[in-house]
Amino acid sequence: MDNEVTYSIGEVAERLGLTVQAIRYYDAEGLLPLLKRDAGGRRVFYEDDVRTLQMILDLRDAGVSIKDSATFEGWRLEGDQTLQARADFLNTHERELQDRIDSLKVSMAHLHFKQWYYQTALAAGTERIHLVGDSMEISQQTFEQYERLQRD
């Protein structure tokens, strides 16, 4: 490791778009157990530490808690006897993330419908083109028209 490039906490924070305080927090929570310190007590980051932090951020973005990320990191350090636990962990979180993505796709489709709805109402100068009679109920024809546009 003596010839490897090292980074300061500030350099790592800038590279990963984090604050120095966030990195210190992750370290305090046990997510960086292999992190070295120099003679002055300052954290010294190697490329593997940066990759570990990126994995933590990816897990965070996938909805994994700090506690669960620490558990995962602990398993990683335990070696081969935790391979199945780690694989299961990632598979579970992949399914959860896919469920969230699917839900977001539904929300996005609804948003696109509403954008089209208001664009066409603005072009017509009235929302009434989409409503049933004098009610505020959206007509079935409006939904069908939008669906046809999506298919074409």
Protein backbone atom coordinates (compact mmCIF):
# COMPACT_ATOMS: atom_id res chain seq x y z
CA MET A 1 0.00 0.00 0.00
CA ASP A 2 2.99 2.30 0.41
CA ASN A 3 3.05 3.26 -3.28
CA GLU A 4 -0.70 3.70 -3.61
CA VAL A 5 -2.25 7.11 -4.10
CA THR A 6 -3.98 8.44 -1.00
CA TYR A 7 -6.63 11.10 -0.61
CA SER A 8 -7.58 13.50 2.13
CA ILE A 9 -11.08 13.58 3.53
CA GLY A 10 -11.68 16.83 1.66
CA GLU A 11 -10.60 15.32 -1.66
CA VAL A 12 -12.88 12.31 -1.13
CA ALA A 13 -15.77 14.55 -0.13
CA GLU A 14 -15.37 16.61 -3.29
CA ARG A 15 -14.97 13.55 -5.49
CA LEU A 16 -18.13 11.89 -4.15
CA GLY A 17 -20.21 15.03 -3.68
CA LEU A 18 -20.36 14.61 0.09
CA THR A 19 -19.59 16.83 2.99
CA VAL A 20 -16.62 16.13 5.22
CA GLN A 21 -19.11 15.79 8.07
CA ALA A 22 -21.00 13.06 6.20
CA ILE A 23 -17.81 11.05 5.74
CA ARG A 24 -16.96 11.46 9.41
CA TYR A 25 -20.47 10.28 10.26
CA TYR A 26 -20.14 7.18 8.08
CA ASP A 27 -16.80 6.44 9.72
CA ALA A 28 -18.27 6.89 13.22
CA GLU A 29 -21.13 4.53 12.30
CA GLY A 30 -18.62 1.78 11.50
CA LEU A 31 -18.97 1.89 7.73
CA LEU A 32 -15.25 2.45 7.15
CA PRO A 33 -13.60 -0.02 9.54
CA LEU A 34 -10.42 -0.37 7.48
CA LEU A 35 -9.79 3.36 7.22
CA LYS A 36 -6.23 4.27 8.14
CA ARG A 37 -4.97 7.39 9.88
CA ASP A 38 -1.68 9.18 9.48
CA ALA A 39 0.71 10.06 12.28
CA GLY A 40 -1.32 13.21 12.98
CA GLY A 41 -4.56 11.24 13.36
CA ARG A 42 -6.03 12.42 10.05
CA ARG A 43 -7.98 9.95 7.95
CA VAL A 44 -6.10 8.63 4.93
CA PHE A 45 -8.21 7.28 2.08
CA TYR A 46 -7.05 4.72 -0.44
CA GLU A 47 -8.93 3.88 -3.62
CA ASP A 48 -10.59 0.92 -1.88
CA ASP A 49 -11.92 3.27 0.80
CA VAL A 50 -13.38 5.52 -1.88
CA ARG A 51 -15.02 2.48 -3.53
CA THR A 52 -16.43 1.44 -0.15
CA LEU A 53 -17.90 4.90 0.33
CA GLN A 54 -19.40 4.79 -3.16
CA MET A 55 -21.00 1.43 -2.31
CA ILE A 56 -22.44 2.99 0.86
CA LEU A 57 -23.89 5.83 -1.21
CA ASP A 58 -25.34 3.40 -3.73
CA LEU A 59 -26.94 1.40 -0.92
CA ARG A 60 -28.25 4.62 0.63
CA ASP A 61 -29.76 5.67 -2.69
CA ALA A 62 -31.39 2.23 -2.90
CA GLY A 63 -33.07 2.90 0.45
CA VAL A 64 -30.74 0.86 2.64
CA SER A 65 -30.35 2.21 6.16
CA ILE A 66 -27.00 3.12 7.68
CA LYS A 67 -27.43 0.27 10.15
CA ASP A 68 -28.02 -2.26 7.37
CA SER A 69 -25.09 -0.87 5.39
CA ALA A 70 -22.88 -1.34 8.46
CA THR A 71 -24.11 -4.92 8.75
CA PHE A 72 -23.29 -5.51 5.09
CA GLU A 73 -19.81 -4.02 5.54
CA GLY A 74 -19.28 -6.24 8.60
CA TRP A 75 -20.20 -9.30 6.55
CA ARG A 76 -17.77 -8.22 3.86
CA LEU A 77 -14.99 -8.17 6.43
CA GLU A 78 -15.94 -11.62 7.73
CA GLY A 79 -15.09 -13.15 4.38
CA ASP A 80 -16.42 -16.08 2.44
CA GLN A 81 -18.68 -17.48 5.15
CA THR A 82 -21.00 -14.49 4.57
CA LEU A 83 -21.18 -14.70 0.78
CA GLN A 84 -24.74 -16.06 0.85
CA ALA A 85 -25.89 -13.45 3.38
CA ARG A 86 -24.45 -10.68 1.23
CA ALA A 87 -25.99 -12.08 -1.96
CA ASP A 88 -29.38 -12.44 -0.22
CA PHE A 89 -29.09 -8.91 1.19
CA LEU A 90 -28.44 -7.41 -2.24
CA ASN A 91 -31.18 -9.49 -3.89
CA THR A 92 -33.70 -8.33 -1.28
CA HIS A 93 -32.75 -4.70 -1.72
CA GLU A 94 -32.81 -5.04 -5.50
CA ARG A 95 -36.41 -6.29 -5.33
CA GLU A 96 -37.36 -3.42 -2.99
CA LEU A 97 -35.70 -0.89 -5.27
CA GLN A 98 -37.41 -2.38 -8.34
CA ASP A 99 -40.77 -2.06 -6.55
CA ARG A 100 -40.01 1.61 -5.90
CA ILE A 101 -38.97 2.13 -9.53
CA ASP A 102 -42.18 0.49 -10.74
CA SER A 103 -44.21 2.72 -8.45
CA LEU A 104 -42.36 5.79 -9.69
CA LYS A 105 -43.08 4.76 -13.29
CA VAL A 106 -46.79 4.69 -12.49
CA SER A 107 -46.49 8.14 -10.90
CA MET A 108 -44.59 9.42 -13.94
CA ALA A 109 -47.26 8.07 -16.30
CA HIS A 110 -49.93 9.87 -14.28
CA LEU A 111 -47.90 13.06 -14.37
CA HIS A 112 -47.55 12.77 -18.16
CA PHE A 113 -51.30 12.30 -18.49
CA LYS A 114 -51.95 15.40 -16.39
CA GLN A 115 -49.45 17.42 -18.42
CA TRP A 116 -51.19 16.40 -21.65
CA TYR A 117 -54.57 17.08 -20.05
CA TYR A 118 -53.64 20.66 -19.14
CA GLN A 119 -51.79 21.36 -22.39
CA THR A 120 -54.84 20.35 -24.41
CA ALA A 121 -57.16 22.27 -22.09
CA LEU A 122 -54.99 25.36 -22.47
CA ALA A 123 -54.98 24.98 -26.26
CA ALA A 124 -58.78 24.72 -26.22
CA GLY A 125 -59.11 27.56 -23.75
CA THR A 126 -61.17 25.40 -21.38
CA GLU A 127 -60.95 22.31 -19.28
CA ARG A 128 -64.53 21.46 -20.20
CA ILE A 129 -63.26 19.52 -23.25
CA HIS A 130 -62.19 16.76 -20.84
CA LEU A 131 -65.14 16.73 -18.45
CA VAL A 132 -68.50 14.97 -18.33
CA GLY A 133 -71.25 17.55 -18.82
CA ASP A 134 -71.22 20.22 -16.13
CA SER A 135 -69.40 18.00 -13.62
CA MET A 136 -65.71 17.96 -12.68
CA GLU A 137 -65.46 14.28 -13.63
CA ILE A 138 -62.96 13.48 -16.37
CA SER A 139 -64.69 11.76 -19.27
CA GLN A 140 -63.80 8.24 -20.35
CA GLN A 141 -63.21 9.65 -23.85
CA THR A 142 -60.37 11.78 -22.48
CA PHE A 143 -58.62 8.72 -21.04
CA GLU A 144 -59.15 6.79 -24.27
CA GLN A 145 -57.84 9.65 -26.38
CA TYR A 146 -54.70 9.86 -24.27
CA GLU A 147 -54.18 6.08 -24.41
CA ARG A 148 -54.50 6.13 -28.22
CA LEU A 149 -51.87 8.87 -28.39
CA GLN A 150 -49.54 6.78 -26.23
CA ARG A 151 -49.94 3.72 -28.46
CA ASP A 152 -49.38 5.63 -31.72
